[in-house]
N, C-alpha and C. Protein backbone atom coordinates (compact mmCIF):
# COMPACT_ATOMS: atom_id res chain seq x y z
N MET A 1 -1.40 -3.58 17.79
CA MET A 1 -0.58 -2.52 17.78
C MET A 1 -0.96 -1.31 17.84
N THR A 2 -0.52 -0.45 18.95
CA THR A 2 -1.06 1.11 18.94
C THR A 2 0.32 1.58 18.49
N TYR A 3 0.29 2.67 17.63
CA TYR A 3 2.07 3.04 17.54
C TYR A 3 1.97 5.22 17.78
N LEU A 4 2.90 5.50 18.89
CA LEU A 4 2.50 6.53 19.69
C LEU A 4 3.71 7.59 18.93
N GLY A 5 3.99 7.92 17.80
CA GLY A 5 4.88 8.81 17.07
C GLY A 5 4.50 10.49 17.31
N ILE A 6 5.56 11.02 17.29
CA ILE A 6 4.92 12.15 17.22
C ILE A 6 3.89 12.82 16.35
N SER A 7 4.07 12.25 14.89
CA SER A 7 2.93 12.79 13.69
C SER A 7 2.67 10.86 13.10
N LEU A 8 1.75 11.53 12.64
CA LEU A 8 1.15 10.42 11.78
C LEU A 8 2.32 9.50 10.82
N ILE A 9 3.25 10.40 10.24
CA ILE A 9 4.26 10.36 9.09
C ILE A 9 5.24 9.13 10.54
N ASP A 10 5.33 9.57 11.73
CA ASP A 10 6.30 8.85 12.08
C ASP A 10 5.55 7.14 12.57
N ASP A 11 4.61 7.22 12.58
CA ASP A 11 3.52 6.14 13.08
C ASP A 11 3.49 5.45 11.81
N MET A 12 3.20 5.97 10.75
CA MET A 12 3.17 5.30 9.58
C MET A 12 4.33 4.84 8.94
N GLU A 13 5.50 5.55 9.14
CA GLU A 13 7.00 4.77 9.29
C GLU A 13 7.29 3.75 9.91
N GLU A 14 6.72 3.72 10.96
CA GLU A 14 7.32 2.75 12.27
C GLU A 14 6.08 1.09 11.67
N TRP A 15 4.95 1.75 11.32
CA TRP A 15 4.34 0.51 10.54
C TRP A 15 4.69 -0.36 9.66
N LEU A 16 5.36 0.76 8.68
CA LEU A 16 5.59 0.05 7.39
C LEU A 16 6.69 -0.80 7.23
N ALA A 17 7.55 -0.34 8.64
CA ALA A 17 8.82 -1.11 8.53
C ALA A 17 8.59 -2.43 9.86
N SER A 18 7.53 -2.75 9.83
CA SER A 18 7.00 -3.57 11.16
C SER A 18 6.44 -5.29 10.60
N GLU A 19 6.82 -6.04 11.03
CA GLU A 19 6.41 -7.29 10.84
C GLU A 19 4.53 -7.31 10.52
N ASP A 20 4.11 -6.71 11.00
CA ASP A 20 2.71 -6.67 10.86
C ASP A 20 2.19 -6.02 9.48
N PHE A 21 3.18 -5.12 9.09
CA PHE A 21 2.68 -4.57 7.36
C PHE A 21 3.32 -5.77 6.78
N ASP A 22 4.40 -6.18 7.03
CA ASP A 22 4.69 -7.44 5.95
C ASP A 22 3.89 -8.57 5.64
N SER A 23 3.29 -9.03 7.25
CA SER A 23 2.25 -10.38 6.92
C SER A 23 0.87 -9.39 6.19
N ALA A 24 0.93 -8.49 6.53
CA ALA A 24 -0.60 -7.63 5.92
C ALA A 24 -0.68 -7.37 4.34
N TRP A 25 0.27 -7.01 3.71
CA TRP A 25 0.14 -6.70 2.89
C TRP A 25 0.23 -8.21 1.79
N ARG A 26 1.01 -8.89 2.64
CA ARG A 26 0.88 -10.40 1.86
C ARG A 26 0.00 -10.99 1.62
N GLU A 27 -0.97 -10.93 3.01
CA GLU A 27 -2.28 -11.46 3.10
C GLU A 27 -3.31 -11.00 2.09
N CYS A 28 -2.99 -9.52 1.64
CA CYS A 28 -4.19 -9.15 0.86
C CYS A 28 -3.94 -8.91 -0.12
N TYR A 29 -2.76 -9.35 -0.60
CA TYR A 29 -1.78 -9.66 -1.88
C TYR A 29 -2.49 -11.00 -2.31
N ASP A 30 -1.72 -11.94 -1.77
CA ASP A 30 -3.02 -13.43 -1.94
C ASP A 30 -4.39 -13.05 -2.27
N ARG A 31 -4.91 -12.39 -1.34
CA ARG A 31 -6.46 -12.43 -1.40
C ARG A 31 -7.07 -12.07 -3.01
N ALA A 32 -6.06 -10.51 -3.32
CA ALA A 32 -6.36 -10.02 -4.65
C ALA A 32 -6.04 -10.67 -6.07
N SER A 33 -4.95 -11.33 -5.74
CA SER A 33 -4.59 -12.05 -6.79
C SER A 33 -4.74 -13.64 -7.20
N ARG A 34 -6.16 -13.90 -5.70
CA ARG A 34 -6.49 -15.46 -5.94
C ARG A 34 -7.22 -15.77 -7.34
N GLY A 35 -7.00 -16.64 -7.94
CA GLY A 35 -7.72 -17.13 -9.23
C GLY A 35 -7.02 -16.50 -10.39
N ALA A 36 -6.08 -15.73 -10.41
CA ALA A 36 -5.14 -15.46 -11.54
C ALA A 36 -4.15 -16.67 -11.98
N THR A 37 -4.97 -16.80 -13.14
CA THR A 37 -3.78 -18.29 -13.68
C THR A 37 -3.03 -17.80 -14.23
N GLY A 38 -1.69 -18.98 -13.46
CA GLY A 38 -0.79 -18.76 -14.07
C GLY A 38 0.47 -17.77 -12.84
N ARG A 39 -0.23 -17.51 -11.72
CA ARG A 39 0.53 -16.33 -11.07
C ARG A 39 1.87 -16.45 -11.50
N SER A 40 2.46 -15.79 -11.44
CA SER A 40 4.06 -15.79 -11.19
C SER A 40 4.85 -14.58 -10.29
N ASP A 41 3.91 -13.65 -10.18
CA ASP A 41 4.26 -12.77 -9.11
C ASP A 41 5.51 -11.34 -10.27
N ARG A 42 5.11 -11.16 -11.06
CA ARG A 42 6.14 -10.51 -12.24
C ARG A 42 4.94 -10.05 -12.89
N ASN A 43 5.08 -8.60 -13.38
CA ASN A 43 4.03 -7.71 -14.33
C ASN A 43 2.75 -8.13 -13.28
N ILE A 44 2.61 -7.76 -12.10
CA ILE A 44 1.31 -7.89 -11.23
C ILE A 44 0.34 -6.73 -11.86
N SER A 45 -0.54 -7.14 -12.13
CA SER A 45 -1.65 -6.31 -12.42
C SER A 45 -2.21 -4.90 -11.87
N GLU A 46 -2.59 -3.78 -12.16
CA GLU A 46 -2.63 -2.49 -11.86
C GLU A 46 -4.12 -3.02 -10.70
N SER A 47 -4.70 -3.91 -11.10
CA SER A 47 -6.38 -4.03 -10.25
C SER A 47 -5.67 -4.50 -9.18
N VAL A 48 -4.92 -5.47 -9.23
CA VAL A 48 -4.01 -6.39 -8.03
C VAL A 48 -3.77 -4.94 -6.94
N LEU A 49 -2.76 -4.11 -7.62
CA LEU A 49 -2.41 -3.43 -6.75
C LEU A 49 -3.37 -2.29 -5.87
N PHE A 50 -4.30 -1.96 -6.85
CA PHE A 50 -5.94 -1.40 -6.19
C PHE A 50 -6.15 -1.83 -5.25
N GLN A 51 -6.67 -3.50 -5.30
CA GLN A 51 -7.38 -4.02 -4.45
C GLN A 51 -6.67 -4.37 -3.13
N THR A 52 -5.24 -4.66 -3.33
CA THR A 52 -4.33 -4.76 -2.11
C THR A 52 -4.35 -3.41 -1.10
N ALA A 53 -4.27 -2.49 -1.95
CA ALA A 53 -4.10 -1.37 -1.04
C ALA A 53 -5.08 -0.59 -0.27
N ALA A 54 -6.64 -1.08 -1.10
CA ALA A 54 -7.56 -0.53 -0.47
C ALA A 54 -7.56 -2.00 0.61
N ALA A 55 -7.42 -3.03 0.60
CA ALA A 55 -7.43 -4.19 1.44
C ALA A 55 -6.93 -3.74 2.98
N LEU A 56 -5.36 -3.08 2.60
CA LEU A 56 -4.63 -2.97 3.47
C LEU A 56 -5.19 -2.18 4.72
N HIS A 57 -5.83 -0.94 4.11
CA HIS A 57 -6.55 0.09 5.05
C HIS A 57 -6.76 -0.99 6.49
N SER A 58 -7.75 -1.75 6.21
CA SER A 58 -8.28 -2.60 7.20
C SER A 58 -7.26 -3.03 8.41
N HIS A 59 -6.23 -3.36 8.01
CA HIS A 59 -4.99 -3.61 8.75
C HIS A 59 -4.27 -2.58 9.52
N LEU A 60 -4.46 -1.39 9.39
CA LEU A 60 -3.84 -0.13 10.21
C LEU A 60 -3.83 -0.44 11.62
N PRO A 61 -2.76 -0.04 12.29
CA PRO A 61 -3.11 -0.18 13.73
C PRO A 61 -4.04 0.77 14.36
N HIS A 62 -4.51 -0.21 15.62
CA HIS A 62 -5.55 0.78 16.18
C HIS A 62 -4.75 2.20 16.55
N GLY A 63 -6.11 3.20 16.89
CA GLY A 63 -5.14 4.42 17.29
C GLY A 63 -5.31 5.51 16.11
N ALA A 64 -4.25 6.10 16.26
CA ALA A 64 -4.25 7.52 15.07
C ALA A 64 -4.58 7.03 13.45
N LEU A 65 -3.58 6.14 13.26
CA LEU A 65 -3.27 5.72 11.44
C LEU A 65 -4.55 5.29 11.16
N GLU A 66 -5.60 4.55 12.00
CA GLU A 66 -6.95 3.73 11.94
C GLU A 66 -8.10 4.93 11.88
N ARG A 67 -7.71 5.90 12.93
CA ARG A 67 -9.01 7.05 12.60
C ARG A 67 -8.56 7.99 11.57
N MET A 68 -7.28 8.32 11.07
CA MET A 68 -7.01 9.63 10.42
C MET A 68 -6.39 9.25 8.72
N ILE A 69 -6.12 8.07 8.43
CA ILE A 69 -5.99 7.48 7.20
C ILE A 69 -7.05 7.03 6.50
N PRO A 70 -7.33 7.27 5.22
CA PRO A 70 -8.56 7.52 4.38
C PRO A 70 -7.71 6.14 3.69
N GLN A 71 -8.85 5.18 2.97
CA GLN A 71 -8.87 4.16 2.27
C GLN A 71 -8.39 4.70 0.78
N PRO A 72 -6.95 4.37 -0.06
CA PRO A 72 -6.51 4.80 -1.11
C PRO A 72 -7.21 4.80 -1.84
N ASP A 73 -7.87 5.62 -2.92
CA ASP A 73 -8.97 5.28 -4.24
C ASP A 73 -7.65 5.20 -5.12
N VAL A 74 -8.37 4.75 -6.61
CA VAL A 74 -7.36 4.48 -7.70
C VAL A 74 -6.88 5.93 -8.02
N GLU A 75 -7.50 6.88 -8.03
CA GLU A 75 -6.60 7.99 -8.09
C GLU A 75 -5.74 8.79 -7.79
N PHE A 76 -5.69 7.99 -5.99
CA PHE A 76 -4.78 8.65 -5.29
C PHE A 76 -3.37 7.90 -5.48
N ILE A 77 -3.77 6.08 -5.51
CA ILE A 77 -2.47 5.56 -5.93
C ILE A 77 -2.23 6.00 -7.16
N ARG A 78 -2.85 6.19 -8.01
CA ARG A 78 -2.07 6.66 -9.46
C ARG A 78 -1.11 7.89 -9.32
N GLY A 79 -1.76 8.82 -8.62
CA GLY A 79 -1.07 10.08 -8.35
C GLY A 79 -0.12 9.91 -7.08
N ALA A 80 -0.11 8.91 -6.62
CA ALA A 80 1.59 8.59 -5.71
C ALA A 80 2.42 8.20 -6.57
N MET A 81 2.27 7.20 -7.15
CA MET A 81 3.17 6.79 -8.04
C MET A 81 3.81 7.71 -9.30
N GLU A 82 3.02 8.29 -9.45
CA GLU A 82 3.24 9.71 -10.74
C GLU A 82 4.05 10.41 -10.06
N ALA A 83 3.99 11.25 -8.17
CA ALA A 83 4.87 11.50 -7.92
C ALA A 83 5.96 11.08 -7.39
N ILE A 84 6.06 10.18 -7.92
CA ILE A 84 7.59 9.54 -7.56
C ILE A 84 8.35 9.11 -8.71
N GLY A 85 7.81 9.49 -10.05
CA GLY A 85 8.10 9.11 -11.29
C GLY A 85 8.32 7.46 -11.69
N ALA A 86 7.39 6.50 -11.03
CA ALA A 86 7.10 5.75 -11.39
C ALA A 86 6.72 5.29 -12.56
N GLU A 87 7.05 4.11 -13.32
CA GLU A 87 6.30 3.58 -14.40
C GLU A 87 4.70 3.28 -14.39
N ASP A 88 4.31 3.61 -15.68
CA ASP A 88 2.85 3.52 -15.64
C ASP A 88 2.07 2.18 -15.26
N THR A 89 1.36 1.52 -14.45
CA THR A 89 1.15 0.53 -14.45
C THR A 89 -0.05 0.20 -14.89
N ARG A 90 -0.37 0.91 -15.90
CA ARG A 90 -1.86 0.64 -16.50
C ARG A 90 -1.02 -0.01 -17.58
N LYS A 91 -0.10 0.12 -18.25
CA LYS A 91 0.55 -0.30 -19.15
C LYS A 91 1.31 -2.17 -18.60
N ALA A 92 2.20 -2.10 -18.08
CA ALA A 92 2.61 -3.29 -17.93
C ALA A 92 2.14 -3.74 -16.40
N GLY A 93 1.86 -3.18 -15.32
CA GLY A 93 1.57 -3.75 -14.33
C GLY A 93 3.24 -3.35 -13.32
N VAL A 94 2.82 -4.29 -12.28
CA VAL A 94 4.02 -3.86 -11.13
C VAL A 94 5.18 -4.64 -11.81
N LYS A 95 6.45 -4.45 -11.55
CA LYS A 95 7.37 -5.20 -11.98
C LYS A 95 7.56 -6.98 -11.39
N ASP A 96 7.82 -6.64 -10.21
CA ASP A 96 7.49 -8.00 -9.25
C ASP A 96 7.30 -7.97 -7.87
N LEU A 97 7.24 -8.35 -7.05
CA LEU A 97 6.89 -8.21 -5.31
C LEU A 97 7.37 -6.98 -4.75
N GLU A 98 8.85 -6.80 -4.92
CA GLU A 98 10.03 -6.18 -4.81
C GLU A 98 9.23 -4.34 -4.94
N HIS A 99 8.70 -4.51 -6.34
CA HIS A 99 8.85 -3.32 -6.65
C HIS A 99 7.04 -2.74 -5.93
N PHE A 100 6.38 -3.96 -5.79
CA PHE A 100 5.15 -4.20 -5.57
C PHE A 100 4.91 -3.63 -4.22
N GLU A 101 5.75 -4.22 -3.18
CA GLU A 101 5.84 -3.53 -1.89
C GLU A 101 5.82 -2.55 -1.91
N ALA A 102 7.21 -1.80 -2.15
CA ALA A 102 7.65 -0.33 -2.85
C ALA A 102 6.43 0.67 -3.17
N ALA A 103 5.74 0.29 -3.98
CA ALA A 103 4.58 0.61 -4.43
C ALA A 103 3.37 1.28 -3.28
N LEU A 104 3.38 -0.15 -2.51
CA LEU A 104 2.55 0.16 -1.39
C LEU A 104 2.64 0.83 -0.08
N VAL A 105 4.27 0.97 0.10
CA VAL A 105 4.77 1.84 1.16
C VAL A 105 4.58 3.20 0.70
N VAL A 106 4.60 3.24 -1.13
CA VAL A 106 4.63 4.88 -1.45
C VAL A 106 3.57 5.25 -1.06
N VAL A 107 2.00 4.63 -1.48
CA VAL A 107 0.74 4.96 -1.22
C VAL A 107 0.87 5.25 0.04
N TYR A 108 1.27 4.44 0.99
CA TYR A 108 0.51 4.59 2.58
C TYR A 108 1.70 5.64 3.01
N THR A 109 2.75 6.01 2.60
CA THR A 109 3.40 6.90 3.21
C THR A 109 2.71 8.53 2.99
N HIS A 110 2.25 8.32 1.05
CA HIS A 110 1.96 9.62 0.94
C HIS A 110 0.47 10.08 1.47
N LEU A 111 -0.46 8.80 1.82
CA LEU A 111 -1.51 8.85 2.50
C LEU A 111 -1.08 10.14 3.86
N ALA A 112 -0.16 9.59 4.69
CA ALA A 112 0.19 9.87 6.10
C ALA A 112 0.24 11.37 5.67
N HIS A 113 1.13 11.40 4.93
CA HIS A 113 1.84 13.13 4.23
C HIS A 113 0.44 14.11 4.01
N CYS A 114 -0.63 13.39 3.38
CA CYS A 114 -1.70 14.39 3.09
C CYS A 114 -2.58 14.50 4.29
N ALA A 115 -2.40 13.59 5.51
CA ALA A 115 -3.65 13.57 6.30
C ALA A 115 -2.23 14.62 7.48
N ASP A 116 -1.00 14.42 7.35
CA ASP A 116 -0.78 15.11 8.34
C ASP A 116 -0.55 16.86 8.19
N LEU A 117 -1.43 16.77 7.13
CA LEU A 117 -1.02 18.23 6.64
C LEU A 117 -1.71 19.36 7.27
């Protein structure tokens, strides 16, 4: 799907609210957490967040987002989370899937804001 908003931020917000995003992040999360013993979807490790955020990049819709949004790295992800005052994921990971999805939204929203400057 191609988004045709006025800005990268508009396109990103539209994608982040879509079913495409929902299924993509869950697929990436499942791959990143594969092999985890006793997966409970609570206190999700920071490394799973990094892997999921990076893998999610390949699911960006064709068009401006795909061309203009870089793949997030560890430093960017930590900075995006710090900018909103989120708990340090290095200590206890991400609380649960709801917070995990919110973290991905924060990261990709920050990417769009940076790319739109």
